[in-house]
Amino acid sequence: MAYRVSKTEFMDLVDAAVSDLPEEFAQFLEEVPIEVHEVPTSAQQARLNVRRGNLLLGLYVGRPRTRRSVEDSGAMPDVIYLFQRNIESICNSEGELVDQVRKTVLHEIGHHFGMSEEDLDALGYG
């Protein structure tokens, strides 16, 4: 059974996950907004080739810091999307939701810092 909270309560969980980041990482996230949406759009799912029945919990859109250059000026800003209903649907308690929000936030931030899915899996954020 899904554990549901209000959007405000969910944003509080996101803010708590971000506030726990060490300053050396947090300083690079000041211009990366985290947007919470109910579910991903069909275009977002198609872009990632998400198969029917699989859930997309979060999405980083941007150019990882490890691949940036001065030629990137004028590019669209980075953004992290979190999909509240999908995250809630795999949680059965408040504790599970807190843990999953943190894990998803760290996963998407990892992509911002150039980490691959394999890197994130090895750290337990896959």
N, C-alpha and C. Protein backbone atom coordinates (compact mmCIF):
# COMPACT_ATOMS: atom_id res chain seq x y z
N MET A 1 0.84 -1.18 0.00
CA MET A 1 0.00 0.00 0.00
C MET A 1 0.89 1.24 0.00
N ALA A 2 0.57 2.19 -0.81
CA ALA A 2 1.36 3.42 -0.93
C ALA A 2 1.21 4.28 0.33
N TYR A 3 2.30 4.90 0.71
CA TYR A 3 2.28 5.83 1.83
C TYR A 3 2.26 7.24 1.25
N ARG A 4 1.15 7.95 1.42
CA ARG A 4 0.95 9.25 0.79
C ARG A 4 1.08 10.39 1.80
N VAL A 5 1.63 11.51 1.31
CA VAL A 5 1.73 12.74 2.09
C VAL A 5 1.36 13.91 1.19
N SER A 6 1.17 15.06 1.78
CA SER A 6 0.88 16.25 0.98
C SER A 6 2.13 16.68 0.22
N LYS A 7 1.94 17.53 -0.77
CA LYS A 7 3.09 18.02 -1.53
C LYS A 7 4.02 18.81 -0.61
N THR A 8 3.47 19.56 0.32
CA THR A 8 4.29 20.33 1.26
C THR A 8 5.14 19.41 2.12
N GLU A 9 4.52 18.34 2.64
CA GLU A 9 5.27 17.38 3.46
C GLU A 9 6.36 16.69 2.62
N PHE A 10 6.04 16.39 1.37
CA PHE A 10 7.02 15.76 0.49
C PHE A 10 8.19 16.70 0.24
N MET A 11 7.90 17.97 -0.02
CA MET A 11 8.96 18.96 -0.23
C MET A 11 9.83 19.11 1.01
N ASP A 12 9.22 18.99 2.19
CA ASP A 12 10.01 19.03 3.43
C ASP A 12 11.00 17.87 3.48
N LEU A 13 10.59 16.69 3.01
CA LEU A 13 11.49 15.54 2.97
C LEU A 13 12.63 15.78 1.98
N VAL A 14 12.31 16.40 0.84
CA VAL A 14 13.33 16.74 -0.16
C VAL A 14 14.32 17.73 0.43
N ASP A 15 13.79 18.78 1.07
CA ASP A 15 14.65 19.80 1.67
C ASP A 15 15.56 19.19 2.73
N ALA A 16 15.05 18.25 3.52
CA ALA A 16 15.86 17.60 4.55
C ALA A 16 16.98 16.78 3.91
N ALA A 17 16.68 16.09 2.82
CA ALA A 17 17.71 15.30 2.14
C ALA A 17 18.81 16.20 1.59
N VAL A 18 18.43 17.33 1.02
CA VAL A 18 19.42 18.26 0.46
C VAL A 18 20.22 18.93 1.57
N SER A 19 19.58 19.26 2.66
CA SER A 19 20.28 19.95 3.74
C SER A 19 21.32 19.06 4.43
N ASP A 20 21.20 17.75 4.26
CA ASP A 20 22.17 16.82 4.83
C ASP A 20 23.44 16.69 3.99
N LEU A 21 23.45 17.30 2.81
CA LEU A 21 24.63 17.19 1.94
C LEU A 21 25.79 17.98 2.51
N PRO A 22 27.00 17.45 2.38
CA PRO A 22 28.18 18.23 2.80
C PRO A 22 28.27 19.52 1.97
N GLU A 23 28.78 20.56 2.57
CA GLU A 23 28.86 21.88 1.93
C GLU A 23 29.62 21.83 0.61
N GLU A 24 30.66 21.00 0.51
CA GLU A 24 31.43 20.95 -0.73
C GLU A 24 30.60 20.46 -1.92
N PHE A 25 29.49 19.75 -1.66
CA PHE A 25 28.58 19.35 -2.73
C PHE A 25 27.42 20.33 -2.84
N ALA A 26 26.89 20.74 -1.71
CA ALA A 26 25.72 21.61 -1.70
C ALA A 26 25.96 22.92 -2.45
N GLN A 27 27.18 23.45 -2.37
CA GLN A 27 27.46 24.72 -3.03
C GLN A 27 27.27 24.65 -4.55
N PHE A 28 27.40 23.45 -5.13
CA PHE A 28 27.24 23.30 -6.57
C PHE A 28 25.80 23.03 -6.98
N LEU A 29 24.90 23.00 -6.01
CA LEU A 29 23.50 22.72 -6.30
C LEU A 29 22.60 23.94 -6.16
N GLU A 30 23.20 25.07 -5.81
CA GLU A 30 22.40 26.27 -5.57
C GLU A 30 21.59 26.69 -6.80
N GLU A 31 22.09 26.40 -7.98
CA GLU A 31 21.39 26.80 -9.20
C GLU A 31 20.72 25.61 -9.90
N VAL A 32 20.57 24.49 -9.20
CA VAL A 32 19.89 23.32 -9.76
C VAL A 32 18.58 23.14 -9.00
N PRO A 33 17.49 23.61 -9.58
CA PRO A 33 16.21 23.45 -8.88
C PRO A 33 15.77 21.99 -8.84
N ILE A 34 15.08 21.65 -7.78
CA ILE A 34 14.45 20.34 -7.67
C ILE A 34 12.95 20.57 -7.75
N GLU A 35 12.35 20.02 -8.80
CA GLU A 35 10.91 20.16 -9.02
C GLU A 35 10.21 18.86 -8.69
N VAL A 36 9.13 18.96 -7.95
CA VAL A 36 8.33 17.78 -7.62
C VAL A 36 7.08 17.79 -8.49
N HIS A 37 6.89 16.69 -9.19
CA HIS A 37 5.70 16.49 -10.02
C HIS A 37 5.01 15.21 -9.56
N GLU A 38 3.74 15.10 -9.84
CA GLU A 38 2.99 13.90 -9.45
C GLU A 38 3.61 12.66 -10.10
N VAL A 39 3.70 12.68 -11.43
CA VAL A 39 4.24 11.57 -12.21
C VAL A 39 4.99 12.14 -13.41
N PRO A 40 5.85 11.34 -14.03
CA PRO A 40 6.55 11.84 -15.22
C PRO A 40 5.60 11.96 -16.40
N THR A 41 5.98 12.83 -17.32
CA THR A 41 5.20 12.95 -18.55
C THR A 41 5.50 11.76 -19.45
N SER A 42 4.65 11.53 -20.42
CA SER A 42 4.91 10.45 -21.37
C SER A 42 6.19 10.73 -22.15
N ALA A 43 6.48 12.00 -22.43
CA ALA A 43 7.70 12.36 -23.15
C ALA A 43 8.94 12.02 -22.31
N GLN A 44 8.89 12.29 -21.01
CA GLN A 44 10.02 11.96 -20.14
C GLN A 44 10.25 10.45 -20.10
N GLN A 45 9.17 9.70 -20.02
CA GLN A 45 9.29 8.24 -19.98
C GLN A 45 9.81 7.70 -21.31
N ALA A 46 9.32 8.26 -22.41
CA ALA A 46 9.76 7.81 -23.73
C ALA A 46 11.23 8.14 -23.95
N ARG A 47 11.65 9.31 -23.50
CA ARG A 47 13.05 9.73 -23.65
C ARG A 47 14.00 8.74 -23.00
N LEU A 48 13.57 8.17 -21.88
CA LEU A 48 14.40 7.22 -21.16
C LEU A 48 14.06 5.76 -21.47
N ASN A 49 13.11 5.58 -22.38
CA ASN A 49 12.68 4.25 -22.77
C ASN A 49 12.19 3.44 -21.56
N VAL A 50 11.41 4.09 -20.71
CA VAL A 50 10.86 3.42 -19.52
C VAL A 50 9.74 2.49 -19.99
N ARG A 51 9.90 1.25 -19.68
CA ARG A 51 8.92 0.24 -20.12
C ARG A 51 7.67 0.28 -19.24
N ARG A 52 6.57 -0.08 -19.84
CA ARG A 52 5.30 -0.12 -19.14
C ARG A 52 5.43 -1.00 -17.89
N GLY A 53 4.95 -0.50 -16.77
CA GLY A 53 5.03 -1.21 -15.51
C GLY A 53 6.23 -0.81 -14.66
N ASN A 54 7.23 -0.17 -15.26
CA ASN A 54 8.37 0.34 -14.50
C ASN A 54 8.07 1.75 -14.02
N LEU A 55 8.62 2.11 -12.90
CA LEU A 55 8.37 3.44 -12.35
C LEU A 55 9.61 4.29 -12.43
N LEU A 56 9.45 5.50 -12.93
CA LEU A 56 10.52 6.50 -12.94
C LEU A 56 10.34 7.33 -11.68
N LEU A 57 11.32 7.30 -10.79
CA LEU A 57 11.22 8.00 -9.51
C LEU A 57 11.77 9.41 -9.58
N GLY A 58 12.81 9.59 -10.39
CA GLY A 58 13.44 10.89 -10.51
C GLY A 58 14.13 11.00 -11.85
N LEU A 59 14.51 12.23 -12.20
CA LEU A 59 15.15 12.47 -13.49
C LEU A 59 16.03 13.70 -13.39
N TYR A 60 17.28 13.56 -13.80
CA TYR A 60 18.20 14.70 -13.90
C TYR A 60 18.26 15.09 -15.37
N VAL A 61 17.99 16.36 -15.64
CA VAL A 61 18.08 16.89 -16.99
C VAL A 61 19.12 17.99 -16.97
N GLY A 62 20.18 17.79 -17.73
CA GLY A 62 21.25 18.79 -17.77
C GLY A 62 22.54 18.18 -18.25
N ARG A 63 23.56 18.93 -18.11
CA ARG A 63 24.90 18.49 -18.50
C ARG A 63 25.70 18.29 -17.21
N PRO A 64 26.14 17.05 -16.95
CA PRO A 64 26.90 16.80 -15.71
C PRO A 64 28.10 17.74 -15.58
N ARG A 65 28.41 18.09 -14.38
CA ARG A 65 29.52 19.01 -14.10
C ARG A 65 30.84 18.49 -14.68
N THR A 66 30.98 17.20 -14.76
CA THR A 66 32.23 16.61 -15.27
C THR A 66 32.39 16.76 -16.78
N ARG A 67 31.32 17.15 -17.47
CA ARG A 67 31.39 17.29 -18.93
C ARG A 67 31.18 18.73 -19.40
N ARG A 68 31.29 19.67 -18.51
CA ARG A 68 31.05 21.06 -18.87
C ARG A 68 32.29 21.75 -19.38
N SER A 69 32.04 22.78 -20.19
CA SER A 69 33.13 23.63 -20.67
C SER A 69 32.59 25.05 -20.82
N VAL A 70 33.46 25.98 -21.17
CA VAL A 70 33.03 27.36 -21.37
C VAL A 70 32.05 27.48 -22.52
N GLU A 71 32.03 26.51 -23.40
CA GLU A 71 31.11 26.52 -24.53
C GLU A 71 29.67 26.22 -24.12
N ASP A 72 29.46 25.85 -22.87
CA ASP A 72 28.12 25.53 -22.38
C ASP A 72 27.31 26.76 -22.00
N SER A 73 27.90 27.93 -22.04
CA SER A 73 27.13 29.11 -21.65
C SER A 73 25.96 29.27 -22.61
N GLY A 74 24.85 29.66 -22.06
CA GLY A 74 23.64 29.82 -22.86
C GLY A 74 22.81 28.55 -22.95
N ALA A 75 23.30 27.45 -22.39
CA ALA A 75 22.54 26.21 -22.40
C ALA A 75 21.39 26.30 -21.38
N MET A 76 20.40 25.47 -21.59
CA MET A 76 19.29 25.42 -20.65
C MET A 76 19.83 25.01 -19.27
N PRO A 77 19.25 25.57 -18.22
CA PRO A 77 19.73 25.22 -16.87
C PRO A 77 19.39 23.78 -16.51
N ASP A 78 20.21 23.21 -15.64
CA ASP A 78 19.95 21.86 -15.13
C ASP A 78 18.71 21.88 -14.24
N VAL A 79 18.07 20.74 -14.14
CA VAL A 79 16.93 20.59 -13.24
C VAL A 79 16.84 19.12 -12.82
N ILE A 80 16.39 18.92 -11.60
CA ILE A 80 16.12 17.58 -11.08
C ILE A 80 14.61 17.49 -10.87
N TYR A 81 14.02 16.44 -11.42
CA TYR A 81 12.59 16.18 -11.23
C TYR A 81 12.43 14.98 -10.31
N LEU A 82 11.53 15.10 -9.35
CA LEU A 82 11.15 13.98 -8.50
C LEU A 82 9.67 13.72 -8.74
N PHE A 83 9.30 12.45 -8.81
CA PHE A 83 7.92 12.08 -9.11
C PHE A 83 7.27 11.49 -7.86
N GLN A 84 6.55 12.36 -7.17
CA GLN A 84 6.02 12.06 -5.84
C GLN A 84 5.17 10.80 -5.81
N ARG A 85 4.19 10.68 -6.67
CA ARG A 85 3.29 9.52 -6.60
C ARG A 85 4.01 8.21 -6.87
N ASN A 86 4.99 8.24 -7.75
CA ASN A 86 5.76 7.02 -8.02
C ASN A 86 6.61 6.63 -6.81
N ILE A 87 7.24 7.61 -6.19
CA ILE A 87 8.03 7.34 -4.99
C ILE A 87 7.14 6.82 -3.88
N GLU A 88 6.02 7.48 -3.65
CA GLU A 88 5.10 7.05 -2.60
C GLU A 88 4.57 5.64 -2.85
N SER A 89 4.37 5.29 -4.11
CA SER A 89 3.76 4.00 -4.44
C SER A 89 4.62 2.80 -4.04
N ILE A 90 5.93 3.02 -3.82
CA ILE A 90 6.79 1.90 -3.42
C ILE A 90 7.12 1.93 -1.93
N CYS A 91 6.46 2.82 -1.20
CA CYS A 91 6.71 2.98 0.24
C CYS A 91 5.46 2.59 1.03
N ASN A 92 5.69 1.90 2.14
CA ASN A 92 4.57 1.47 2.99
C ASN A 92 4.51 2.19 4.33
N SER A 93 5.49 3.06 4.59
CA SER A 93 5.51 3.75 5.88
C SER A 93 6.24 5.07 5.73
N GLU A 94 6.13 5.89 6.75
CA GLU A 94 6.83 7.17 6.75
C GLU A 94 8.34 6.97 6.65
N GLY A 95 8.84 6.01 7.40
CA GLY A 95 10.28 5.74 7.38
C GLY A 95 10.77 5.33 6.00
N GLU A 96 10.00 4.46 5.35
CA GLU A 96 10.37 4.06 3.99
C GLU A 96 10.36 5.25 3.04
N LEU A 97 9.37 6.12 3.20
CA LEU A 97 9.27 7.30 2.33
C LEU A 97 10.45 8.23 2.55
N VAL A 98 10.81 8.47 3.80
CA VAL A 98 11.96 9.33 4.11
C VAL A 98 13.21 8.76 3.45
N ASP A 99 13.43 7.45 3.60
CA ASP A 99 14.60 6.81 3.02
C ASP A 99 14.59 6.86 1.50
N GLN A 100 13.43 6.62 0.89
CA GLN A 100 13.36 6.59 -0.57
C GLN A 100 13.53 7.98 -1.17
N VAL A 101 12.97 8.99 -0.53
CA VAL A 101 13.17 10.36 -1.02
C VAL A 101 14.65 10.70 -0.97
N ARG A 102 15.30 10.41 0.13
CA ARG A 102 16.74 10.68 0.27
C ARG A 102 17.53 9.94 -0.81
N LYS A 103 17.24 8.67 -0.99
CA LYS A 103 17.95 7.86 -1.97
C LYS A 103 17.74 8.41 -3.38
N THR A 104 16.52 8.81 -3.71
CA THR A 104 16.23 9.34 -5.05
C THR A 104 16.91 10.69 -5.26
N VAL A 105 16.87 11.55 -4.26
CA VAL A 105 17.54 12.85 -4.35
C VAL A 105 19.04 12.63 -4.57
N LEU A 106 19.66 11.77 -3.79
CA LEU A 106 21.10 11.52 -3.93
C LEU A 106 21.43 10.89 -5.28
N HIS A 107 20.55 10.04 -5.76
CA HIS A 107 20.74 9.42 -7.08
C HIS A 107 20.80 10.48 -8.17
N GLU A 108 19.83 11.38 -8.18
CA GLU A 108 19.78 12.41 -9.23
C GLU A 108 20.91 13.42 -9.08
N ILE A 109 21.27 13.75 -7.86
CA ILE A 109 22.42 14.64 -7.63
C ILE A 109 23.70 13.96 -8.12
N GLY A 110 23.79 12.66 -7.94
CA GLY A 110 24.93 11.91 -8.44
C GLY A 110 25.09 12.07 -9.94
N HIS A 111 23.98 12.04 -10.67
CA HIS A 111 24.05 12.27 -12.12
C HIS A 111 24.57 13.67 -12.42
N HIS A 112 24.17 14.66 -11.63
CA HIS A 112 24.64 16.03 -11.81
C HIS A 112 26.17 16.09 -11.68
N PHE A 113 26.72 15.25 -10.83
CA PHE A 113 28.17 15.21 -10.63
C PHE A 113 28.85 14.19 -11.54
N GLY A 114 28.12 13.68 -12.54
CA GLY A 114 28.72 12.84 -13.56
C GLY A 114 28.76 11.36 -13.26
N MET A 115 28.05 10.91 -12.24
CA MET A 115 28.06 9.50 -11.89
C MET A 115 27.12 8.71 -12.81
N SER A 116 27.54 7.50 -13.16
CA SER A 116 26.73 6.63 -14.00
C SER A 116 25.77 5.81 -13.13
N GLU A 117 24.87 5.09 -13.78
CA GLU A 117 23.96 4.20 -13.05
C GLU A 117 24.77 3.14 -12.29
N GLU A 118 25.83 2.65 -12.90
CA GLU A 118 26.67 1.64 -12.26
C GLU A 118 27.35 2.21 -11.01
N ASP A 119 27.85 3.45 -11.11
CA ASP A 119 28.47 4.11 -9.95
C ASP A 119 27.46 4.23 -8.82
N LEU A 120 26.25 4.65 -9.16
CA LEU A 120 25.22 4.86 -8.15
C LEU A 120 24.76 3.54 -7.54
N ASP A 121 24.68 2.49 -8.36
CA ASP A 121 24.35 1.16 -7.83
C ASP A 121 25.39 0.71 -6.81
N ALA A 122 26.65 0.93 -7.13
CA ALA A 122 27.74 0.51 -6.23
C ALA A 122 27.68 1.23 -4.89
N LEU A 123 27.16 2.46 -4.89
CA LEU A 123 27.03 3.22 -3.65
C LEU A 123 25.72 2.96 -2.92
N GLY A 124 24.85 2.16 -3.52
CA GLY A 124 23.56 1.85 -2.90
C GLY A 124 22.47 2.84 -3.23
N TYR A 125 22.68 3.66 -4.26
CA TYR A 125 21.68 4.66 -4.66
C TYR A 125 21.04 4.32 -6.00
N GLY A 126 21.15 3.08 -6.41
CA GLY A 126 20.62 2.66 -7.71
C GLY A 126 19.13 2.46 -7.71
